[in-house]
Amino acid sequence: MENNTTSTWDSFAIGAKQFLNDVVFQYVPKLIMALIVLFVGWKLINLLNKVMKRAYDRHKVDPSLQQFLHSVIDIVLKVLLVLTAMGIMGIQMTSFIAILGAAGVAIGMGLQGTLQNFAGGIIILLLKPFRVGDYIEQGSYAGFVESIQIFNTTLRTYDARKIIVPNTELATKSLVNHFNLPQRRVAIDVGLAYGMSVEKAKEVMVRVAAENPYVLNEPKAPFATLENFGDSSLNMRLYAWTLPENYWNTIFTLNEGIYNAFRKEGLEIPFNQMDVHIRDSVER
């Protein structure tokens, strides 16, 4: 009995020693070293990103390109860091690459949309249909471009909502860029009552535009026209140019200014109305 007990404890001691040699003394130091490399490498990558950001600003690199390059470099460096840590732990990279190669077809099919978005981001940076800060519309999306990332573009709406749009949507479909040109034209429609002076109305509308701080005289000074004859009014229209960022302020202030000026000058803005004439008939 004692011999059996002694033999069991000897086997346990040998197994424990083997475990310490194979696991604790071999893999734990490698794990600690890998964690140290990950920690230090992560810090260095973040520091490199800050240095590159300052370099971009110093050389006045386009903000859209800055964000795209930052995303690409950050992801590539961190992937390489993780692979380096795996190599330190003794994971055979050839086997790892072989596994990735075997799963390449499935991964490629699963990431097909992601790869299309990546290609869309490159197209956006090369063709520059819009930049960071532009106000764009595409389908049901509309907002200011906040950032252009590897796979998607972030928009901010006027009411402070964030929209994340896949790059392939913006690279392959039609969109409207409201900030692509240095000036933008506004058109203000005003109804004028029949019987009122068209020339006086045009004079008042142009004067209001000329006094508006948002209105520009280039590429053309503001002017007013009689567009057409409506059912209840003469339909006037004022054309004026402004900066893209002042578009809505220009419309709001011109509407208010024209309304107040028309009231002051005695020019009537009619509401929709219908005249009904009743004729009495006497049958004999």
Protein backbone atom coordinates (compact mmCIF):
# COMPACT_ATOMS: atom_id res chain seq x y z
CA MET A 1 0.00 0.00 0.00
CA GLU A 2 2.78 2.40 0.92
CA ASN A 3 4.56 1.60 -2.34
CA ASN A 4 1.42 2.47 -4.31
CA THR A 5 1.01 5.76 -2.42
CA THR A 6 4.65 6.65 -2.96
CA SER A 7 4.38 5.81 -6.65
CA THR A 8 1.28 8.06 -7.00
CA TRP A 9 2.98 11.03 -5.33
CA ASP A 10 6.08 10.48 -7.47
CA SER A 11 3.95 10.53 -10.61
CA PHE A 12 2.18 13.69 -9.45
CA ALA A 13 5.49 15.40 -8.67
CA ILE A 14 6.91 14.46 -12.04
CA GLY A 15 3.75 15.73 -13.77
CA ALA A 16 3.81 18.99 -11.83
CA LYS A 17 7.47 19.51 -12.66
CA GLN A 18 6.79 18.79 -16.30
CA PHE A 19 3.89 21.28 -16.23
CA LEU A 20 6.10 23.95 -14.70
CA ASN A 21 8.80 23.34 -17.28
CA ASP A 22 6.47 23.20 -20.29
CA VAL A 23 3.90 25.84 -19.38
CA VAL A 24 4.97 28.18 -16.61
CA PHE A 25 8.70 28.51 -17.38
CA GLN A 26 8.30 28.47 -21.16
CA TYR A 27 4.98 30.14 -22.03
CA VAL A 28 4.42 32.58 -19.15
CA PRO A 29 7.60 34.60 -19.89
CA LYS A 30 6.62 34.68 -23.58
CA LEU A 31 3.09 35.79 -22.66
CA ILE A 32 4.44 38.55 -20.41
CA MET A 33 6.83 39.69 -23.14
CA ALA A 34 4.03 39.68 -25.71
CA LEU A 35 1.80 41.77 -23.43
CA ILE A 36 4.65 44.24 -22.86
CA VAL A 37 5.20 44.50 -26.62
CA LEU A 38 1.48 45.06 -27.17
CA PHE A 39 1.28 47.75 -24.49
CA VAL A 40 4.40 49.63 -25.60
CA GLY A 41 3.61 49.19 -29.29
CA TRP A 42 0.06 50.50 -28.82
CA LYS A 43 1.39 53.59 -27.06
CA LEU A 44 3.99 54.16 -29.81
CA ILE A 45 1.37 53.84 -32.54
CA ASN A 46 -0.84 56.43 -30.82
CA LEU A 47 2.18 58.71 -30.44
CA LEU A 48 3.04 58.24 -34.12
CA ASN A 49 -0.52 59.17 -35.07
CA LYS A 50 -0.21 62.44 -33.13
CA VAL A 51 3.14 63.23 -34.76
CA MET A 52 1.71 62.54 -38.20
CA LYS A 53 -1.32 64.71 -37.43
CA ARG A 54 1.00 67.64 -36.66
CA ALA A 55 2.94 66.92 -39.86
CA TYR A 56 -0.29 66.91 -41.88
CA ASP A 57 -1.30 70.25 -40.39
CA ARG A 58 2.15 71.71 -40.98
CA HIS A 59 2.14 70.70 -44.65
CA LYS A 60 -1.56 71.64 -45.05
CA VAL A 61 -2.66 68.19 -46.18
CA ASP A 62 -6.35 68.00 -47.16
CA PRO A 63 -8.44 67.08 -44.06
CA SER A 64 -10.24 64.33 -45.99
CA LEU A 65 -6.92 62.70 -46.91
CA GLN A 66 -5.67 63.12 -43.34
CA GLN A 67 -8.54 61.11 -41.88
CA PHE A 68 -8.27 58.38 -44.50
CA LEU A 69 -4.50 57.97 -44.10
CA HIS A 70 -4.85 58.00 -40.32
CA SER A 71 -7.40 55.17 -40.44
CA VAL A 72 -5.35 53.05 -42.86
CA ILE A 73 -2.01 53.48 -41.09
CA ASP A 74 -3.54 52.96 -37.65
CA ILE A 75 -5.20 49.68 -38.62
CA VAL A 76 -2.18 48.31 -40.53
CA LEU A 77 0.26 49.08 -37.71
CA LYS A 78 -1.98 47.56 -35.05
CA VAL A 79 -2.50 44.40 -37.10
CA LEU A 80 1.28 44.06 -37.51
CA LEU A 81 1.70 44.62 -33.78
CA VAL A 82 -0.74 41.83 -32.95
CA LEU A 83 1.04 39.47 -35.38
CA THR A 84 4.37 40.34 -33.76
CA ALA A 85 2.98 39.54 -30.31
CA MET A 86 1.67 36.22 -31.60
CA GLY A 87 5.13 35.42 -32.97
CA ILE A 88 6.72 36.16 -29.59
CA MET A 89 4.32 33.71 -27.94
CA GLY A 90 5.53 31.02 -30.32
CA ILE A 91 2.46 30.80 -32.53
CA GLN A 92 3.62 29.55 -35.91
CA MET A 93 2.82 32.31 -38.38
CA THR A 94 3.08 29.97 -41.35
CA SER A 95 0.29 27.86 -39.90
CA PHE A 96 -1.71 30.96 -39.10
CA ILE A 97 -1.30 32.28 -42.65
CA ALA A 98 -2.23 28.89 -44.06
CA ILE A 99 -5.45 28.93 -42.03
CA LEU A 100 -6.25 32.42 -43.29
CA GLY A 101 -5.52 31.30 -46.84
CA ALA A 102 -7.84 28.32 -46.52
CA ALA A 103 -10.57 30.59 -45.20
CA GLY A 104 -9.79 33.32 -47.73
CA VAL A 105 -12.69 32.59 -50.05
CA ALA A 106 -15.24 32.63 -47.23
CA ILE A 107 -13.70 35.75 -45.70
CA GLY A 108 -13.63 37.46 -49.09
CA MET A 109 -17.31 36.77 -49.67
CA GLY A 110 -18.17 37.94 -46.17
CA LEU A 111 -16.13 41.13 -46.57
CA GLN A 112 -17.22 41.87 -50.12
CA GLY A 113 -19.26 44.89 -49.06
CA THR A 114 -16.45 46.09 -46.78
CA LEU A 115 -13.90 45.88 -49.59
CA GLN A 116 -16.26 47.80 -51.87
CA ASN A 117 -16.54 50.51 -49.22
CA PHE A 118 -12.74 50.64 -48.97
CA ALA A 119 -12.50 51.05 -52.75
CA GLY A 120 -15.22 53.71 -52.54
CA GLY A 121 -13.15 55.63 -50.00
CA ILE A 122 -10.16 55.62 -52.35
CA ILE A 123 -12.35 56.84 -55.23
CA ILE A 124 -13.69 59.67 -53.07
CA LEU A 125 -10.16 60.78 -52.15
CA LEU A 126 -8.94 60.60 -55.76
CA LEU A 127 -11.90 62.27 -57.49
CA LYS A 128 -12.82 64.58 -54.57
CA PRO A 129 -16.56 64.91 -55.24
CA PHE A 130 -16.74 66.42 -51.75
CA ARG A 131 -14.47 67.36 -48.86
CA VAL A 132 -14.74 67.58 -45.10
CA GLY A 133 -17.01 70.53 -44.29
CA ASP A 134 -19.12 70.33 -47.48
CA TYR A 135 -22.89 69.99 -47.31
CA ILE A 136 -24.00 67.10 -49.53
CA GLU A 137 -27.20 65.25 -50.44
CA GLN A 138 -27.38 61.67 -51.69
CA GLY A 139 -30.74 59.94 -51.81
CA SER A 140 -32.27 60.22 -48.35
CA TYR A 141 -28.96 61.35 -46.80
CA ALA A 142 -28.11 65.03 -46.32
CA GLY A 143 -25.64 66.77 -44.02
CA PHE A 144 -22.22 68.32 -43.48
CA VAL A 145 -19.27 65.97 -44.06
CA GLU A 146 -17.54 65.47 -40.71
CA SER A 147 -15.09 62.71 -41.62
CA ILE A 148 -14.13 60.33 -44.43
CA GLN A 149 -13.00 57.02 -42.96
CA ILE A 150 -11.76 53.82 -44.60
CA PHE A 151 -15.19 52.24 -44.97
CA ASN A 152 -17.73 55.01 -44.35
CA THR A 153 -18.33 58.75 -44.30
CA THR A 154 -19.91 60.56 -41.36
CA LEU A 155 -22.45 63.33 -41.98
CA ARG A 156 -23.89 65.83 -39.49
CA THR A 157 -27.39 67.14 -40.15
CA TYR A 158 -28.65 70.66 -39.43
CA ASP A 159 -30.46 69.37 -36.35
CA ALA A 160 -27.25 67.79 -34.97
CA ARG A 161 -27.87 64.18 -35.94
CA LYS A 162 -25.05 61.92 -37.13
CA ILE A 163 -25.46 59.82 -40.29
CA ILE A 164 -22.92 57.11 -41.17
CA VAL A 165 -23.01 56.38 -44.91
CA PRO A 166 -21.07 53.52 -46.59
CA ASN A 167 -18.46 54.92 -48.97
CA THR A 168 -19.72 52.84 -51.87
CA GLU A 169 -23.05 54.71 -51.68
CA LEU A 170 -21.32 58.06 -52.11
CA ALA A 171 -18.74 56.88 -54.67
CA THR A 172 -21.04 55.08 -57.10
CA LYS A 173 -24.32 57.04 -56.96
CA SER A 174 -25.33 60.59 -57.87
CA LEU A 175 -25.01 63.22 -55.15
CA VAL A 176 -25.43 66.97 -54.77
CA ASN A 177 -22.60 69.04 -53.28
CA HIS A 178 -23.94 72.40 -52.13
CA PHE A 179 -20.47 73.70 -51.24
CA ASN A 180 -18.63 72.71 -54.41
CA LEU A 181 -18.65 76.26 -55.83
CA PRO A 182 -17.68 79.50 -54.06
CA GLN A 183 -21.13 81.13 -54.47
CA ARG A 184 -24.69 79.86 -54.44
CA ARG A 185 -27.81 81.49 -55.84
CA VAL A 186 -31.04 81.87 -53.87
CA ALA A 187 -34.50 82.44 -55.34
CA ILE A 188 -37.25 84.12 -53.30
CA ASP A 189 -40.84 83.77 -54.56
CA VAL A 190 -43.34 86.48 -53.63
CA GLY A 191 -46.98 86.85 -54.59
CA LEU A 192 -48.14 90.33 -55.61
CA ALA A 193 -51.82 91.27 -55.78
CA TYR A 194 -53.27 92.03 -59.19
CA GLY A 195 -53.49 95.79 -59.68
CA MET A 196 -50.24 96.49 -57.78
CA SER A 197 -47.26 98.06 -59.56
CA VAL A 198 -44.86 95.39 -60.82
CA GLU A 199 -42.05 97.89 -61.31
CA LYS A 200 -42.40 99.19 -57.75
CA ALA A 201 -42.42 95.65 -56.39
CA LYS A 202 -39.24 94.83 -58.34
CA GLU A 203 -37.59 98.00 -57.05
CA VAL A 204 -38.47 97.17 -53.43
CA MET A 205 -37.25 93.57 -53.72
CA VAL A 206 -33.92 94.59 -55.23
CA ARG A 207 -33.45 97.29 -52.59
CA VAL A 208 -34.07 94.80 -49.78
CA ALA A 209 -31.51 92.44 -51.33
CA ALA A 210 -28.95 95.22 -51.75
CA GLU A 211 -29.24 96.11 -48.05
CA ASN A 212 -28.89 92.47 -46.93
CA PRO A 213 -25.40 91.76 -45.49
CA TYR A 214 -25.41 88.18 -46.81
CA VAL A 215 -26.09 89.08 -50.46
CA LEU A 216 -23.17 89.36 -52.90
CA ASN A 217 -22.86 91.46 -56.05
CA GLU A 218 -20.73 88.79 -57.73
CA PRO A 219 -21.09 86.91 -59.98
CA LYS A 220 -24.24 88.99 -60.58
CA ALA A 221 -26.10 91.71 -58.70
CA PRO A 222 -29.56 90.80 -57.33
CA PHE A 223 -32.52 91.30 -59.68
CA ALA A 224 -36.27 90.66 -59.64
CA THR A 225 -38.65 89.41 -62.32
CA LEU A 226 -42.33 88.73 -62.94
CA GLU A 227 -42.24 84.96 -63.36
CA ASN A 228 -45.82 84.14 -64.26
CA PHE A 229 -49.49 84.91 -63.65
CA GLY A 230 -51.06 82.93 -60.81
CA ASP A 231 -54.71 82.30 -60.03
CA SER A 232 -54.70 84.82 -57.19
CA SER A 233 -51.46 86.78 -57.62
CA LEU A 234 -48.67 87.97 -59.84
CA ASN A 235 -45.80 85.62 -59.03
CA MET A 236 -42.60 87.61 -58.51
CA ARG A 237 -39.15 86.15 -57.96
CA LEU A 238 -35.95 87.65 -56.56
CA TYR A 239 -32.56 86.19 -57.55
CA ALA A 240 -29.49 86.85 -55.42
CA TRP A 241 -26.06 85.29 -54.80
CA THR A 242 -24.52 84.43 -51.46
CA LEU A 243 -21.86 82.23 -49.87
CA PRO A 244 -22.85 78.57 -49.46
CA GLU A 245 -22.53 78.72 -45.67
CA ASN A 246 -24.93 81.72 -45.59
CA TYR A 247 -27.58 80.13 -47.82
CA TRP A 248 -30.33 79.63 -45.24
CA ASN A 249 -29.64 82.89 -43.39
CA THR A 250 -29.96 84.71 -46.71
CA ILE A 251 -33.33 83.14 -47.45
CA PHE A 252 -34.72 83.80 -43.97
CA THR A 253 -33.62 87.44 -43.83
CA LEU A 254 -34.75 88.21 -47.39
CA ASN A 255 -38.21 86.74 -46.74
CA GLU A 256 -38.62 88.85 -43.63
CA GLY A 257 -37.20 91.97 -45.25
CA ILE A 258 -39.43 91.74 -48.33
CA TYR A 259 -42.56 91.20 -46.25
CA ASN A 260 -41.85 94.24 -44.07
CA ALA A 261 -40.92 96.41 -47.06
CA PHE A 262 -44.07 95.45 -48.96
CA ARG A 263 -46.25 96.40 -45.99
CA LYS A 264 -44.42 99.71 -45.64
CA GLU A 265 -44.79 100.53 -49.35
CA GLY A 266 -48.45 99.50 -49.50
CA LEU A 267 -47.82 96.51 -51.77
CA GLU A 268 -50.32 93.74 -51.11
CA ILE A 269 -49.36 90.06 -50.82
CA PRO A 270 -52.65 88.25 -51.45
CA PHE A 271 -53.82 84.93 -50.08
CA ASN A 272 -55.53 82.33 -52.22
CA GLN A 273 -59.04 83.41 -52.92
CA MET A 274 -61.94 82.71 -55.23
CA ASP A 275 -64.55 85.19 -56.41
CA VAL A 276 -68.03 83.68 -56.72
CA HIS A 277 -70.65 85.57 -58.74
CA ILE A 278 -74.32 84.63 -58.24
CA ARG A 279 -76.65 85.55 -61.04
CA ASP A 280 -80.36 85.70 -60.39
CA SER A 281 -82.51 84.44 -63.21
CA VAL A 282 -86.23 84.91 -63.52
CA GLU A 283 -88.12 82.29 -65.48
CA ARG A 284 -91.09 83.55 -67.39
